[in-house]
């Protein structure tokens, strides 16, 4: 990945109102009405963060992005 892609991803995250300089980002969940399950939404850019761990549901809080 080049520096331009990284800076672009940081700017996009800042425009969403998130702090791109955070070290750890927790996932956000919402209810999918059709499937009646909680699904993750608004994932951070993969250019800046990698997903670690997994969540069995929205309350487990083991999954995070670094």
C-alpha atoms as a PDB file:
ATOM      1  CA  UNK A   1       0.000   0.000   0.000  1.00  0.00           C
ATOM      2  CA  UNK A   2       1.332   3.426  -0.789  1.00  0.00           C
ATOM      3  CA  UNK A   3       1.193   6.534   1.367  1.00  0.00           C
ATOM      4  CA  UNK A   4      -1.532   8.168  -0.761  1.00  0.00           C
ATOM      5  CA  UNK A   5      -3.939   5.279  -0.159  1.00  0.00           C
ATOM      6  CA  UNK A   6      -3.298   5.395   3.575  1.00  0.00           C
ATOM      7  CA  UNK A   7      -3.873   9.143   3.770  1.00  0.00           C
ATOM      8  CA  UNK A   8      -7.037   8.817   1.681  1.00  0.00           C
ATOM      9  CA  UNK A   9      -8.397   6.155   4.034  1.00  0.00           C
ATOM     10  CA  UNK A  10      -7.567   8.316   7.065  1.00  0.00           C
ATOM     11  CA  UNK A  11      -9.359  11.310   5.550  1.00  0.00           C
ATOM     12  CA  UNK A  12     -12.421   9.183   4.769  1.00  0.00           C
ATOM     13  CA  UNK A  13     -12.538   7.945   8.355  1.00  0.00           C
ATOM     14  CA  UNK A  14     -12.212  11.507   9.708  1.00  0.00           C
ATOM     15  CA  UNK A  15     -15.086  12.667   7.490  1.00  0.00           C
ATOM     16  CA  UNK A  16     -17.306   9.992   9.053  1.00  0.00           C
ATOM     17  CA  UNK A  17     -16.619  11.565  12.433  1.00  0.00           C
ATOM     18  CA  UNK A  18     -14.268   8.821  13.636  1.00  0.00           C
ATOM     19  CA  UNK A  19     -10.789   9.433  15.002  1.00  0.00           C
ATOM     20  CA  UNK A  20      -8.345   7.924  12.484  1.00  0.00           C
ATOM     21  CA  UNK A  21      -5.502   8.079  15.008  1.00  0.00           C
ATOM     22  CA  UNK A  22      -7.164   5.588  17.381  1.00  0.00           C
ATOM     23  CA  UNK A  23      -5.186   2.428  17.999  1.00  0.00           C
ATOM     24  CA  UNK A  24      -8.159   0.151  18.761  1.00  0.00           C
ATOM     25  CA  UNK A  25     -11.588   0.431  17.125  1.00  0.00           C
ATOM     26  CA  UNK A  26     -14.532  -1.635  18.334  1.00  0.00           C
ATOM     27  CA  UNK A  27     -17.096  -2.944  15.823  1.00  0.00           C
ATOM     28  CA  UNK A  28     -20.615  -1.516  15.602  1.00  0.00           C
ATOM     29  CA  UNK A  29     -23.691  -3.717  15.313  1.00  0.00           C
ATOM     30  CA  UNK A  30     -27.305  -3.225  14.317  1.00  0.00           C
ATOM     31  CA  UNK A  31     -30.294  -5.526  13.947  1.00  0.00           C
ATOM     32  CA  UNK A  32     -30.948  -6.927  10.480  1.00  0.00           C
ATOM     33  CA  UNK A  33     -34.746  -6.956  10.366  1.00  0.00           C
ATOM     34  CA  UNK A  34     -34.950  -9.545   7.590  1.00  0.00           C
ATOM     35  CA  UNK A  35     -32.692 -12.126   9.245  1.00  0.00           C
ATOM     36  CA  UNK A  36     -33.460 -11.055  12.837  1.00  0.00           C
ATOM     37  CA  UNK A  37     -29.758 -11.101  13.796  1.00  0.00           C
ATOM     38  CA  UNK A  38     -27.292  -8.395  14.739  1.00  0.00           C
ATOM     39  CA  UNK A  39     -24.824  -7.654  11.940  1.00  0.00           C
ATOM     40  CA  UNK A  40     -21.706  -5.524  11.922  1.00  0.00           C
ATOM     41  CA  UNK A  41     -21.854  -2.284   9.919  1.00  0.00           C
ATOM     42  CA  UNK A  42     -19.571   0.631   9.145  1.00  0.00           C
ATOM     43  CA  UNK A  43     -16.312  -1.314   9.333  1.00  0.00           C
ATOM     44  CA  UNK A  44     -13.096   0.743   9.414  1.00  0.00           C
ATOM     45  CA  UNK A  45     -11.022   0.815   6.200  1.00  0.00           C
ATOM     46  CA  UNK A  46      -8.913  -2.296   5.679  1.00  0.00           C
ATOM     47  CA  UNK A  47      -6.095  -0.015   4.482  1.00  0.00           C
ATOM     48  CA  UNK A  48      -5.642   1.193   8.072  1.00  0.00           C
ATOM     49  CA  UNK A  49      -6.973  -1.569  10.348  1.00  0.00           C
ATOM     50  CA  UNK A  50      -7.049  -5.353  10.528  1.00  0.00           C
ATOM     51  CA  UNK A  51      -9.759  -7.328  12.314  1.00  0.00           C
ATOM     52  CA  UNK A  52      -8.697  -9.381  15.329  1.00  0.00           C
ATOM     53  CA  UNK A  53     -10.826 -11.837  17.285  1.00  0.00           C
ATOM     54  CA  UNK A  54     -14.484 -12.630  16.785  1.00  0.00           C
ATOM     55  CA  UNK A  55     -17.796 -11.887  18.434  1.00  0.00           C
ATOM     56  CA  UNK A  56     -20.489 -14.470  19.047  1.00  0.00           C
ATOM     57  CA  UNK A  57     -22.931 -11.580  19.473  1.00  0.00           C
ATOM     58  CA  UNK A  58     -22.766  -7.810  19.945  1.00  0.00           C
ATOM     59  CA  UNK A  59     -22.136  -8.121  23.695  1.00  0.00           C
ATOM     60  CA  UNK A  60     -19.083 -10.436  23.572  1.00  0.00           C
ATOM     61  CA  UNK A  61     -16.660  -7.582  22.717  1.00  0.00           C
ATOM     62  CA  UNK A  62     -13.710  -9.774  21.713  1.00  0.00           C
ATOM     63  CA  UNK A  63     -13.514  -8.572  18.120  1.00  0.00           C
ATOM     64  CA  UNK A  64     -11.685  -5.327  17.480  1.00  0.00           C
ATOM     65  CA  UNK A  65      -9.656  -3.573  14.821  1.00  0.00           C
ATOM     66  CA  UNK A  66      -6.051  -2.423  15.170  1.00  0.00           C
END
